[in-house]
Amino acid sequence: FFIIPCMDWIQVVDLRVISFDVPAQEILTKDSVTVQVDAVVYYSIKNAMLAVCAVEQAGASTRLLASTTLRNMMGTKTLEEILSDREHTAQVMKDILDTATDPWGIKVER
């Protein structure tokens, strides 16, 4: 293939699994208890064309979406539910993130 100068541009996309920390956030639970929660997300880009064309800055968008999803999910649970159902909560959060990032060509691994 060839590139027409001043008209085309190349963007390199990393197809490896990428991990990032969701910063710790103070969240008010359903039973009015303040907890500090953080998370780690692992994702990979499955469709580079969608990751570049469907969303601006796919990595940053995934980080913001993970942060928002964490706040929303923890705000609807009581402290007991947060402490006892960690695996279930992690699976539900993964499913929500994966569904939301699928149109961007991103697959959330864990």
N, C-alpha and C. Protein backbone atom coordinates (compact mmCIF):
# COMPACT_ATOMS: atom_id res chain seq x y z
N PHE A 1 0.83 -1.17 0.00
CA PHE A 1 0.00 0.00 0.00
C PHE A 1 0.87 1.23 0.00
N PHE A 2 0.30 2.36 -0.29
CA PHE A 2 1.06 3.60 -0.31
C PHE A 2 0.28 4.69 0.40
N ILE A 3 0.98 5.72 0.81
CA ILE A 3 0.39 6.82 1.56
C ILE A 3 0.53 8.10 0.75
N ILE A 4 -0.56 8.82 0.63
CA ILE A 4 -0.54 10.11 -0.05
C ILE A 4 -0.17 11.17 1.00
N PRO A 5 0.97 11.84 0.83
CA PRO A 5 1.37 12.84 1.83
C PRO A 5 0.33 13.94 1.97
N CYS A 6 0.18 14.43 3.17
CA CYS A 6 -0.75 15.52 3.51
C CYS A 6 -2.21 15.11 3.44
N MET A 7 -2.51 13.88 3.06
CA MET A 7 -3.91 13.44 3.01
C MET A 7 -4.15 12.22 3.89
N ASP A 8 -3.20 11.32 3.95
CA ASP A 8 -3.34 10.10 4.74
C ASP A 8 -2.49 10.21 5.99
N TRP A 9 -2.85 9.45 6.97
CA TRP A 9 -2.05 9.38 8.17
C TRP A 9 -2.12 7.96 8.72
N ILE A 10 -1.12 7.59 9.46
CA ILE A 10 -1.04 6.25 10.04
C ILE A 10 -1.16 6.36 11.54
N GLN A 11 -1.94 5.49 12.11
CA GLN A 11 -2.02 5.42 13.57
C GLN A 11 -1.69 3.99 13.98
N VAL A 12 -0.71 3.85 14.83
CA VAL A 12 -0.28 2.55 15.31
C VAL A 12 -1.19 2.15 16.47
N VAL A 13 -1.69 0.92 16.44
CA VAL A 13 -2.59 0.42 17.48
C VAL A 13 -1.96 -0.81 18.12
N ASP A 14 -1.89 -0.79 19.44
CA ASP A 14 -1.33 -1.91 20.19
C ASP A 14 -2.42 -2.96 20.39
N LEU A 15 -2.20 -4.17 19.89
CA LEU A 15 -3.19 -5.24 19.97
C LEU A 15 -2.97 -6.17 21.16
N ARG A 16 -1.99 -5.86 22.00
CA ARG A 16 -1.76 -6.67 23.19
C ARG A 16 -2.80 -6.35 24.26
N VAL A 17 -2.86 -7.19 25.29
CA VAL A 17 -3.75 -6.92 26.42
C VAL A 17 -3.18 -5.74 27.20
N ILE A 18 -4.02 -4.77 27.45
CA ILE A 18 -3.63 -3.55 28.15
C ILE A 18 -4.34 -3.53 29.50
N SER A 19 -3.62 -3.16 30.54
CA SER A 19 -4.23 -3.07 31.86
C SER A 19 -4.10 -1.64 32.38
N PHE A 20 -5.04 -1.25 33.22
CA PHE A 20 -4.97 0.04 33.87
C PHE A 20 -5.72 -0.01 35.19
N ASP A 21 -5.31 0.86 36.11
CA ASP A 21 -5.98 0.99 37.40
C ASP A 21 -7.08 2.02 37.28
N VAL A 22 -8.24 1.67 37.81
CA VAL A 22 -9.29 2.66 37.98
C VAL A 22 -8.98 3.34 39.30
N PRO A 23 -8.78 4.64 39.32
CA PRO A 23 -8.38 5.31 40.56
C PRO A 23 -9.38 5.08 41.70
N ALA A 24 -8.86 5.05 42.91
CA ALA A 24 -9.72 4.87 44.08
C ALA A 24 -10.71 6.04 44.17
N GLN A 25 -11.96 5.68 44.47
CA GLN A 25 -13.01 6.68 44.54
C GLN A 25 -13.82 6.46 45.80
N GLU A 26 -14.21 7.54 46.44
CA GLU A 26 -15.10 7.43 47.57
C GLU A 26 -16.53 7.38 47.04
N ILE A 27 -17.25 6.35 47.45
CA ILE A 27 -18.58 6.10 46.94
C ILE A 27 -19.55 5.98 48.11
N LEU A 28 -20.70 6.57 47.99
CA LEU A 28 -21.75 6.46 48.99
C LEU A 28 -22.63 5.28 48.59
N THR A 29 -22.67 4.25 49.44
CA THR A 29 -23.45 3.05 49.13
C THR A 29 -24.93 3.30 49.36
N LYS A 30 -25.71 2.28 49.04
CA LYS A 30 -27.17 2.36 49.16
C LYS A 30 -27.59 2.58 50.63
N ASP A 31 -26.80 2.01 51.56
CA ASP A 31 -27.13 2.16 52.98
C ASP A 31 -26.36 3.31 53.63
N SER A 32 -25.96 4.30 52.84
CA SER A 32 -25.33 5.55 53.30
C SER A 32 -24.00 5.34 54.03
N VAL A 33 -23.21 4.42 53.56
CA VAL A 33 -21.87 4.20 54.08
C VAL A 33 -20.88 4.64 53.00
N THR A 34 -19.86 5.40 53.41
CA THR A 34 -18.85 5.84 52.46
C THR A 34 -17.74 4.80 52.39
N VAL A 35 -17.47 4.30 51.19
CA VAL A 35 -16.40 3.33 50.99
C VAL A 35 -15.47 3.86 49.90
N GLN A 36 -14.23 3.41 49.97
CA GLN A 36 -13.27 3.77 48.95
C GLN A 36 -13.00 2.52 48.12
N VAL A 37 -13.26 2.60 46.82
CA VAL A 37 -13.19 1.45 45.94
C VAL A 37 -12.27 1.76 44.76
N ASP A 38 -11.46 0.78 44.39
CA ASP A 38 -10.66 0.90 43.18
C ASP A 38 -10.79 -0.40 42.39
N ALA A 39 -10.25 -0.42 41.19
CA ALA A 39 -10.38 -1.62 40.34
C ALA A 39 -9.23 -1.64 39.35
N VAL A 40 -9.08 -2.78 38.71
CA VAL A 40 -8.13 -2.97 37.62
C VAL A 40 -8.90 -3.54 36.44
N VAL A 41 -8.66 -3.01 35.25
CA VAL A 41 -9.34 -3.49 34.05
C VAL A 41 -8.30 -3.94 33.04
N TYR A 42 -8.55 -5.10 32.43
CA TYR A 42 -7.71 -5.63 31.36
C TYR A 42 -8.55 -5.65 30.09
N TYR A 43 -8.02 -5.07 29.02
CA TYR A 43 -8.75 -5.07 27.76
C TYR A 43 -7.78 -5.22 26.60
N SER A 44 -8.33 -5.61 25.46
CA SER A 44 -7.53 -5.68 24.24
C SER A 44 -8.36 -5.16 23.08
N ILE A 45 -7.68 -4.67 22.09
CA ILE A 45 -8.35 -4.15 20.90
C ILE A 45 -8.48 -5.30 19.91
N LYS A 46 -9.70 -5.64 19.56
CA LYS A 46 -9.97 -6.74 18.64
C LYS A 46 -10.15 -6.26 17.21
N ASN A 47 -10.59 -5.02 17.02
CA ASN A 47 -10.79 -4.46 15.69
C ASN A 47 -10.15 -3.08 15.67
N ALA A 48 -8.96 -3.00 15.11
CA ALA A 48 -8.20 -1.75 15.11
C ALA A 48 -8.91 -0.64 14.33
N MET A 49 -9.59 -0.99 13.27
CA MET A 49 -10.28 0.02 12.46
C MET A 49 -11.38 0.70 13.28
N LEU A 50 -12.16 -0.09 14.03
CA LEU A 50 -13.21 0.50 14.87
C LEU A 50 -12.61 1.31 16.02
N ALA A 51 -11.52 0.82 16.60
CA ALA A 51 -10.89 1.52 17.72
C ALA A 51 -10.38 2.89 17.31
N VAL A 52 -10.01 3.04 16.06
CA VAL A 52 -9.51 4.33 15.57
C VAL A 52 -10.64 5.20 15.03
N CYS A 53 -11.59 4.59 14.32
CA CYS A 53 -12.62 5.37 13.63
C CYS A 53 -13.90 5.59 14.43
N ALA A 54 -14.25 4.67 15.32
CA ALA A 54 -15.54 4.77 16.01
C ALA A 54 -15.50 5.64 17.26
N VAL A 55 -14.31 5.80 17.83
CA VAL A 55 -14.22 6.59 19.06
C VAL A 55 -12.88 7.31 19.08
N GLU A 56 -12.90 8.52 19.61
CA GLU A 56 -11.64 9.26 19.74
C GLU A 56 -10.96 8.82 21.03
N GLN A 57 -9.71 8.43 20.94
CA GLN A 57 -8.91 7.98 22.08
C GLN A 57 -9.59 6.81 22.80
N ALA A 58 -9.54 5.65 22.19
CA ALA A 58 -10.22 4.46 22.71
C ALA A 58 -9.76 4.09 24.11
N GLY A 59 -8.48 4.20 24.39
CA GLY A 59 -7.97 3.86 25.71
C GLY A 59 -8.50 4.77 26.80
N ALA A 60 -8.45 6.07 26.55
CA ALA A 60 -8.95 7.04 27.53
C ALA A 60 -10.46 6.91 27.71
N SER A 61 -11.17 6.63 26.63
CA SER A 61 -12.62 6.45 26.73
C SER A 61 -12.96 5.22 27.55
N THR A 62 -12.19 4.16 27.40
CA THR A 62 -12.41 2.95 28.19
C THR A 62 -12.14 3.22 29.66
N ARG A 63 -11.11 3.98 29.97
CA ARG A 63 -10.80 4.33 31.36
C ARG A 63 -11.94 5.13 32.00
N LEU A 64 -12.44 6.12 31.29
CA LEU A 64 -13.53 6.94 31.82
C LEU A 64 -14.81 6.11 32.00
N LEU A 65 -15.08 5.24 31.05
CA LEU A 65 -16.25 4.38 31.15
C LEU A 65 -16.14 3.43 32.34
N ALA A 66 -14.95 2.89 32.57
CA ALA A 66 -14.75 1.99 33.71
C ALA A 66 -14.94 2.73 35.03
N SER A 67 -14.45 3.94 35.11
CA SER A 67 -14.60 4.74 36.33
C SER A 67 -16.07 5.04 36.61
N THR A 68 -16.79 5.44 35.58
CA THR A 68 -18.22 5.74 35.72
C THR A 68 -19.01 4.50 36.08
N THR A 69 -18.71 3.39 35.44
CA THR A 69 -19.41 2.14 35.71
C THR A 69 -19.18 1.68 37.14
N LEU A 70 -17.95 1.82 37.63
CA LEU A 70 -17.64 1.44 39.01
C LEU A 70 -18.46 2.27 39.99
N ARG A 71 -18.51 3.57 39.78
CA ARG A 71 -19.30 4.44 40.67
C ARG A 71 -20.78 4.08 40.64
N ASN A 72 -21.31 3.88 39.45
CA ASN A 72 -22.73 3.58 39.33
C ASN A 72 -23.09 2.23 39.96
N MET A 73 -22.25 1.23 39.76
CA MET A 73 -22.55 -0.09 40.31
C MET A 73 -22.46 -0.11 41.83
N MET A 74 -21.42 0.50 42.38
CA MET A 74 -21.25 0.46 43.83
C MET A 74 -22.27 1.33 44.55
N GLY A 75 -22.76 2.36 43.89
CA GLY A 75 -23.77 3.22 44.50
C GLY A 75 -25.12 2.56 44.67
N THR A 76 -25.36 1.48 43.93
CA THR A 76 -26.65 0.79 44.02
C THR A 76 -26.60 -0.42 44.95
N LYS A 77 -25.47 -0.65 45.61
CA LYS A 77 -25.33 -1.82 46.50
C LYS A 77 -25.11 -1.38 47.93
N THR A 78 -25.48 -2.26 48.85
CA THR A 78 -25.19 -2.02 50.26
C THR A 78 -23.77 -2.50 50.55
N LEU A 79 -23.26 -2.12 51.71
CA LEU A 79 -21.90 -2.52 52.09
C LEU A 79 -21.79 -4.04 52.17
N GLU A 80 -22.81 -4.69 52.69
CA GLU A 80 -22.80 -6.16 52.79
C GLU A 80 -22.73 -6.80 51.40
N GLU A 81 -23.48 -6.29 50.45
CA GLU A 81 -23.45 -6.83 49.09
C GLU A 81 -22.09 -6.62 48.44
N ILE A 82 -21.48 -5.47 48.67
CA ILE A 82 -20.16 -5.19 48.10
C ILE A 82 -19.14 -6.18 48.63
N LEU A 83 -19.16 -6.43 49.93
CA LEU A 83 -18.17 -7.30 50.55
C LEU A 83 -18.41 -8.78 50.25
N SER A 84 -19.65 -9.20 50.12
CA SER A 84 -19.94 -10.62 49.96
C SER A 84 -20.00 -11.09 48.50
N ASP A 85 -20.35 -10.22 47.57
CA ASP A 85 -20.54 -10.63 46.18
C ASP A 85 -19.49 -10.03 45.25
N ARG A 86 -18.24 -10.07 45.63
CA ARG A 86 -17.20 -9.44 44.82
C ARG A 86 -17.06 -10.08 43.45
N GLU A 87 -17.09 -11.41 43.38
CA GLU A 87 -16.93 -12.09 42.10
C GLU A 87 -18.09 -11.79 41.17
N HIS A 88 -19.30 -11.82 41.72
CA HIS A 88 -20.49 -11.53 40.91
C HIS A 88 -20.45 -10.07 40.42
N THR A 89 -20.08 -9.17 41.31
CA THR A 89 -20.00 -7.75 40.93
C THR A 89 -18.96 -7.54 39.84
N ALA A 90 -17.82 -8.21 39.96
CA ALA A 90 -16.77 -8.09 38.94
C ALA A 90 -17.27 -8.62 37.59
N GLN A 91 -18.00 -9.73 37.61
CA GLN A 91 -18.52 -10.29 36.36
C GLN A 91 -19.55 -9.37 35.72
N VAL A 92 -20.43 -8.80 36.52
CA VAL A 92 -21.45 -7.89 35.99
C VAL A 92 -20.78 -6.64 35.42
N MET A 93 -19.77 -6.12 36.12
CA MET A 93 -19.07 -4.94 35.62
C MET A 93 -18.35 -5.25 34.31
N LYS A 94 -17.73 -6.42 34.22
CA LYS A 94 -17.06 -6.84 32.99
C LYS A 94 -18.06 -6.91 31.84
N ASP A 95 -19.22 -7.50 32.09
CA ASP A 95 -20.24 -7.61 31.05
C ASP A 95 -20.73 -6.23 30.58
N ILE A 96 -20.93 -5.32 31.52
CA ILE A 96 -21.39 -3.97 31.17
C ILE A 96 -20.33 -3.26 30.32
N LEU A 97 -19.06 -3.34 30.78
CA LEU A 97 -17.98 -2.68 30.03
C LEU A 97 -17.80 -3.31 28.65
N ASP A 98 -17.88 -4.63 28.59
CA ASP A 98 -17.68 -5.31 27.31
C ASP A 98 -18.79 -4.95 26.32
N THR A 99 -20.02 -4.89 26.81
CA THR A 99 -21.13 -4.50 25.94
C THR A 99 -20.98 -3.07 25.45
N ALA A 100 -20.55 -2.18 26.34
CA ALA A 100 -20.43 -0.77 25.96
C ALA A 100 -19.25 -0.52 25.02
N THR A 101 -18.16 -1.29 25.16
CA THR A 101 -16.99 -1.06 24.32
C THR A 101 -16.97 -1.91 23.06
N ASP A 102 -17.91 -2.81 22.91
CA ASP A 102 -17.96 -3.66 21.72
C ASP A 102 -18.06 -2.86 20.42
N PRO A 103 -18.88 -1.80 20.36
CA PRO A 103 -18.92 -1.00 19.11
C PRO A 103 -17.61 -0.27 18.81
N TRP A 104 -16.72 -0.19 19.79
CA TRP A 104 -15.43 0.46 19.59
C TRP A 104 -14.35 -0.52 19.18
N GLY A 105 -14.68 -1.82 19.08
CA GLY A 105 -13.69 -2.82 18.72
C GLY A 105 -12.83 -3.26 19.88
N ILE A 106 -13.30 -3.03 21.11
CA ILE A 106 -12.53 -3.35 22.31
C ILE A 106 -13.22 -4.50 23.06
N LYS A 107 -12.41 -5.45 23.52
CA LYS A 107 -12.90 -6.59 24.30
C LYS A 107 -12.33 -6.48 25.70
N VAL A 108 -13.19 -6.39 26.71
CA VAL A 108 -12.75 -6.34 28.10
C VAL A 108 -12.50 -7.77 28.55
N GLU A 109 -11.29 -8.05 28.98
CA GLU A 109 -10.88 -9.40 29.37
C GLU A 109 -11.27 -9.72 30.80
N ARG A 110 -10.89 -8.83 31.73
CA ARG A 110 -11.19 -9.04 33.17
C ARG A 110 -11.46 -7.71 33.80
